[in-house]
Amino acid sequence: MRTFGNESSENYLETILLLSKKLPVVRAVDIANELDFKKPSVSIAMKNLREKEHITISEQGFIYLTESGKEIAEMIYERHLFITKWLTELGVPEDIAAQDACKIEHVISKESFEAVKNYVHAHPVKH
């Protein structure tokens, strides 16, 4: 069973997390620029995330992750980093590994991800 289940929302939350690490504040325009989306699309997504209480938006338009939003974003980002690294270690070119990780990170169940992670840690790739 999926914990969140909405790939688009997960991508937005992950993007907010990453932008918050490199920018003093995150605004809808920053997200639009990062994802190369139109601002109205981002505004609709932010409204949905706010309604689900995954983000808060200040009067100045600054976007912050709530605890639930941060939890989801960190889970997706951990999957992204792990899967990218694992595929790269298996010999997949880094750009392709990152693209594939972006897809896999949203569809793999928590149980399957934990199983893969445990297996990889127990059986490191030998070069």
C-alpha atoms as a PDB file:
ATOM      1  CA  MET A   1       0.000   0.000   0.000  1.00  0.00           C
ATOM      2  CA  ARG A   2       1.316   3.431  -0.943  1.00  0.00           C
ATOM      3  CA  THR A   3       1.905   5.969   1.793  1.00  0.00           C
ATOM      4  CA  PHE A   4       1.095   8.935  -0.422  1.00  0.00           C
ATOM      5  CA  GLY A   5       0.410   7.757  -3.926  1.00  0.00           C
ATOM      6  CA  ASN A   6       0.547  10.890  -6.015  1.00  0.00           C
ATOM      7  CA  GLU A   7       3.679  11.095  -8.145  1.00  0.00           C
ATOM      8  CA  SER A   8       3.127  14.728  -9.085  1.00  0.00           C
ATOM      9  CA  SER A   9       2.631  15.782  -5.469  1.00  0.00           C
ATOM     10  CA  GLU A  10       5.670  13.772  -4.416  1.00  0.00           C
ATOM     11  CA  ASN A  11       7.754  15.526  -7.087  1.00  0.00           C
ATOM     12  CA  TYR A  12       6.600  18.924  -5.874  1.00  0.00           C
ATOM     13  CA  LEU A  13       7.384  18.078  -2.241  1.00  0.00           C
ATOM     14  CA  GLU A  14      10.820  16.736  -3.180  1.00  0.00           C
ATOM     15  CA  THR A  15      11.506  19.892  -5.229  1.00  0.00           C
ATOM     16  CA  ILE A  16      10.477  22.136  -2.309  1.00  0.00           C
ATOM     17  CA  LEU A  17      12.823  20.173  -0.034  1.00  0.00           C
ATOM     18  CA  LEU A  18      15.757  20.506  -2.444  1.00  0.00           C
ATOM     19  CA  LEU A  19      15.107  24.197  -3.117  1.00  0.00           C
ATOM     20  CA  SER A  20      14.857  24.895   0.622  1.00  0.00           C
ATOM     21  CA  LYS A  21      18.392  23.537   1.003  1.00  0.00           C
ATOM     22  CA  LYS A  22      19.822  26.043  -1.476  1.00  0.00           C
ATOM     23  CA  LEU A  23      17.539  29.091  -1.278  1.00  0.00           C
ATOM     24  CA  PRO A  24      16.726  31.318   1.706  1.00  0.00           C
ATOM     25  CA  VAL A  25      12.997  30.996   0.875  1.00  0.00           C
ATOM     26  CA  VAL A  26      11.014  28.957  -1.652  1.00  0.00           C
ATOM     27  CA  ARG A  27       8.342  30.595  -3.800  1.00  0.00           C
ATOM     28  CA  ALA A  28       6.024  29.181  -6.465  1.00  0.00           C
ATOM     29  CA  VAL A  29       8.112  30.876  -9.168  1.00  0.00           C
ATOM     30  CA  ASP A  30      11.222  29.026  -7.915  1.00  0.00           C
ATOM     31  CA  ILE A  31       9.388  25.712  -8.202  1.00  0.00           C
ATOM     32  CA  ALA A  32       8.091  26.621 -11.673  1.00  0.00           C
ATOM     33  CA  ASN A  33      11.624  27.499 -12.811  1.00  0.00           C
ATOM     34  CA  GLU A  34      13.150  24.357 -11.303  1.00  0.00           C
ATOM     35  CA  LEU A  35      10.610  22.001 -12.879  1.00  0.00           C
ATOM     36  CA  ASP A  36      10.142  24.058 -16.050  1.00  0.00           C
ATOM     37  CA  PHE A  37       6.386  24.244 -15.409  1.00  0.00           C
ATOM     38  CA  LYS A  38       4.062  27.179 -15.903  1.00  0.00           C
ATOM     39  CA  LYS A  39       3.308  29.158 -12.756  1.00  0.00           C
ATOM     40  CA  PRO A  40      -0.490  28.520 -12.860  1.00  0.00           C
ATOM     41  CA  SER A  41       0.140  24.755 -12.778  1.00  0.00           C
ATOM     42  CA  VAL A  42       2.409  25.184  -9.765  1.00  0.00           C
ATOM     43  CA  SER A  43      -0.162  27.411  -8.042  1.00  0.00           C
ATOM     44  CA  ILE A  44      -2.848  24.730  -8.418  1.00  0.00           C
ATOM     45  CA  ALA A  45      -0.476  22.086  -7.058  1.00  0.00           C
ATOM     46  CA  MET A  46       0.462  24.307  -4.095  1.00  0.00           C
ATOM     47  CA  LYS A  47      -3.223  24.809  -3.299  1.00  0.00           C
ATOM     48  CA  ASN A  48      -3.736  21.041  -3.288  1.00  0.00           C
ATOM     49  CA  LEU A  49      -0.664  20.446  -1.107  1.00  0.00           C
ATOM     50  CA  ARG A  50      -1.811  23.170   1.307  1.00  0.00           C
ATOM     51  CA  GLU A  51      -5.280  21.587   1.523  1.00  0.00           C
ATOM     52  CA  LYS A  52      -3.648  18.232   2.336  1.00  0.00           C
ATOM     53  CA  GLU A  53      -1.567  20.062   4.976  1.00  0.00           C
ATOM     54  CA  HIS A  54       1.754  19.077   3.409  1.00  0.00           C
ATOM     55  CA  ILE A  55       2.851  22.714   3.037  1.00  0.00           C
ATOM     56  CA  THR A  56       2.124  26.119   4.473  1.00  0.00           C
ATOM     57  CA  ILE A  57       2.336  29.356   2.502  1.00  0.00           C
ATOM     58  CA  SER A  58       3.137  32.633   4.236  1.00  0.00           C
ATOM     59  CA  GLU A  59       1.459  35.948   3.399  1.00  0.00           C
ATOM     60  CA  GLN A  60       4.602  36.797   1.406  1.00  0.00           C
ATOM     61  CA  GLY A  61       4.163  33.641  -0.684  1.00  0.00           C
ATOM     62  CA  PHE A  62       6.983  31.687   0.940  1.00  0.00           C
ATOM     63  CA  ILE A  63       6.388  27.926   0.866  1.00  0.00           C
ATOM     64  CA  TYR A  64       7.323  25.699   3.789  1.00  0.00           C
ATOM     65  CA  LEU A  65       6.988  21.958   4.236  1.00  0.00           C
ATOM     66  CA  THR A  66       4.921  20.765   7.180  1.00  0.00           C
ATOM     67  CA  GLU A  67       6.067  17.704   9.137  1.00  0.00           C
ATOM     68  CA  SER A  68       4.025  15.402   6.889  1.00  0.00           C
ATOM     69  CA  GLY A  69       5.271  17.149   3.744  1.00  0.00           C
ATOM     70  CA  LYS A  70       8.869  16.949   4.893  1.00  0.00           C
ATOM     71  CA  GLU A  71       8.487  13.262   5.758  1.00  0.00           C
ATOM     72  CA  ILE A  72       7.197  12.458   2.264  1.00  0.00           C
ATOM     73  CA  ALA A  73       9.827  14.628   0.550  1.00  0.00           C
ATOM     74  CA  GLU A  74      12.677  13.053   2.508  1.00  0.00           C
ATOM     75  CA  MET A  75      11.376   9.545   1.791  1.00  0.00           C
ATOM     76  CA  ILE A  76      11.252  10.242  -1.960  1.00  0.00           C
ATOM     77  CA  TYR A  77      14.662  11.954  -1.942  1.00  0.00           C
ATOM     78  CA  GLU A  78      16.235   9.034  -0.046  1.00  0.00           C
ATOM     79  CA  ARG A  79      14.826   6.638  -2.636  1.00  0.00           C
ATOM     80  CA  HIS A  80      16.096   8.840  -5.466  1.00  0.00           C
ATOM     81  CA  LEU A  81      19.643   9.005  -4.106  1.00  0.00           C
ATOM     82  CA  PHE A  82      19.801   5.317  -3.239  1.00  0.00           C
ATOM     83  CA  ILE A  83      18.371   4.038  -6.525  1.00  0.00           C
ATOM     84  CA  THR A  84      20.549   6.402  -8.599  1.00  0.00           C
ATOM     85  CA  LYS A  85      23.693   5.281  -6.743  1.00  0.00           C
ATOM     86  CA  TRP A  86      22.774   1.600  -6.992  1.00  0.00           C
ATOM     87  CA  LEU A  87      22.056   1.749 -10.743  1.00  0.00           C
ATOM     88  CA  THR A  88      25.265   3.717 -11.329  1.00  0.00           C
ATOM     89  CA  GLU A  89      27.245   1.073  -9.416  1.00  0.00           C
ATOM     90  CA  LEU A  90      25.665  -1.549 -11.689  1.00  0.00           C
ATOM     91  CA  GLY A  91      27.138   0.297 -14.689  1.00  0.00           C
ATOM     92  CA  VAL A  92      24.163   2.397 -15.798  1.00  0.00           C
ATOM     93  CA  PRO A  93      25.276   5.860 -17.013  1.00  0.00           C
ATOM     94  CA  GLU A  94      24.539   8.438 -14.302  1.00  0.00           C
ATOM     95  CA  ASP A  95      22.060  10.496 -16.355  1.00  0.00           C
ATOM     96  CA  ILE A  96      20.015   7.404 -17.232  1.00  0.00           C
ATOM     97  CA  ALA A  97      20.247   6.104 -13.646  1.00  0.00           C
ATOM     98  CA  ALA A  98      18.886   9.437 -12.341  1.00  0.00           C
ATOM     99  CA  GLN A  99      16.030   9.429 -14.883  1.00  0.00           C
ATOM    100  CA  ASP A 100      15.101   5.851 -14.009  1.00  0.00           C
ATOM    101  CA  ALA A 101      15.334   6.600 -10.277  1.00  0.00           C
ATOM    102  CA  CYS A 102      12.834   9.444 -10.788  1.00  0.00           C
ATOM    103  CA  LYS A 103      10.337   6.905 -12.098  1.00  0.00           C
ATOM    104  CA  ILE A 104      11.078   4.040  -9.718  1.00  0.00           C
ATOM    105  CA  GLU A 105      11.053   6.186  -6.559  1.00  0.00           C
ATOM    106  CA  HIS A 106       7.301   6.800  -6.935  1.00  0.00           C
ATOM    107  CA  VAL A 107       6.071   3.311  -7.776  1.00  0.00           C
ATOM    108  CA  ILE A 108       8.105   1.075  -5.492  1.00  0.00           C
ATOM    109  CA  SER A 109       6.354   0.096  -2.260  1.00  0.00           C
ATOM    110  CA  LYS A 110       7.924   0.820   1.107  1.00  0.00           C
ATOM    111  CA  GLU A 111       8.332  -2.924   1.657  1.00  0.00           C
ATOM    112  CA  SER A 112      10.052  -3.533  -1.694  1.00  0.00           C
ATOM    113  CA  PHE A 113      12.346  -0.524  -1.273  1.00  0.00           C
ATOM    114  CA  GLU A 114      13.419  -1.713   2.185  1.00  0.00           C
ATOM    115  CA  ALA A 115      14.041  -5.220   0.799  1.00  0.00           C
ATOM    116  CA  VAL A 116      16.164  -3.874  -2.082  1.00  0.00           C
ATOM    117  CA  LYS A 117      18.075  -1.581   0.276  1.00  0.00           C
ATOM    118  CA  ASN A 118      18.786  -4.448   2.699  1.00  0.00           C
ATOM    119  CA  TYR A 119      19.868  -6.713  -0.162  1.00  0.00           C
ATOM    120  CA  VAL A 120      22.179  -4.091  -1.677  1.00  0.00           C
ATOM    121  CA  HIS A 121      23.790  -3.371   1.679  1.00  0.00           C
ATOM    122  CA  ALA A 122      24.348  -7.114   2.245  1.00  0.00           C
ATOM    123  CA  HIS A 123      25.626  -7.686  -1.319  1.00  0.00           C
ATOM    124  CA  PRO A 124      27.665  -4.663  -2.441  1.00  0.00           C
ATOM    125  CA  VAL A 125      28.489  -4.390  -6.148  1.00  0.00           C
ATOM    126  CA  LYS A 126      32.025  -5.624  -6.805  1.00  0.00           C
ATOM    127  CA  HIS A 127      34.066  -3.776  -9.418  1.00  0.00           C
END
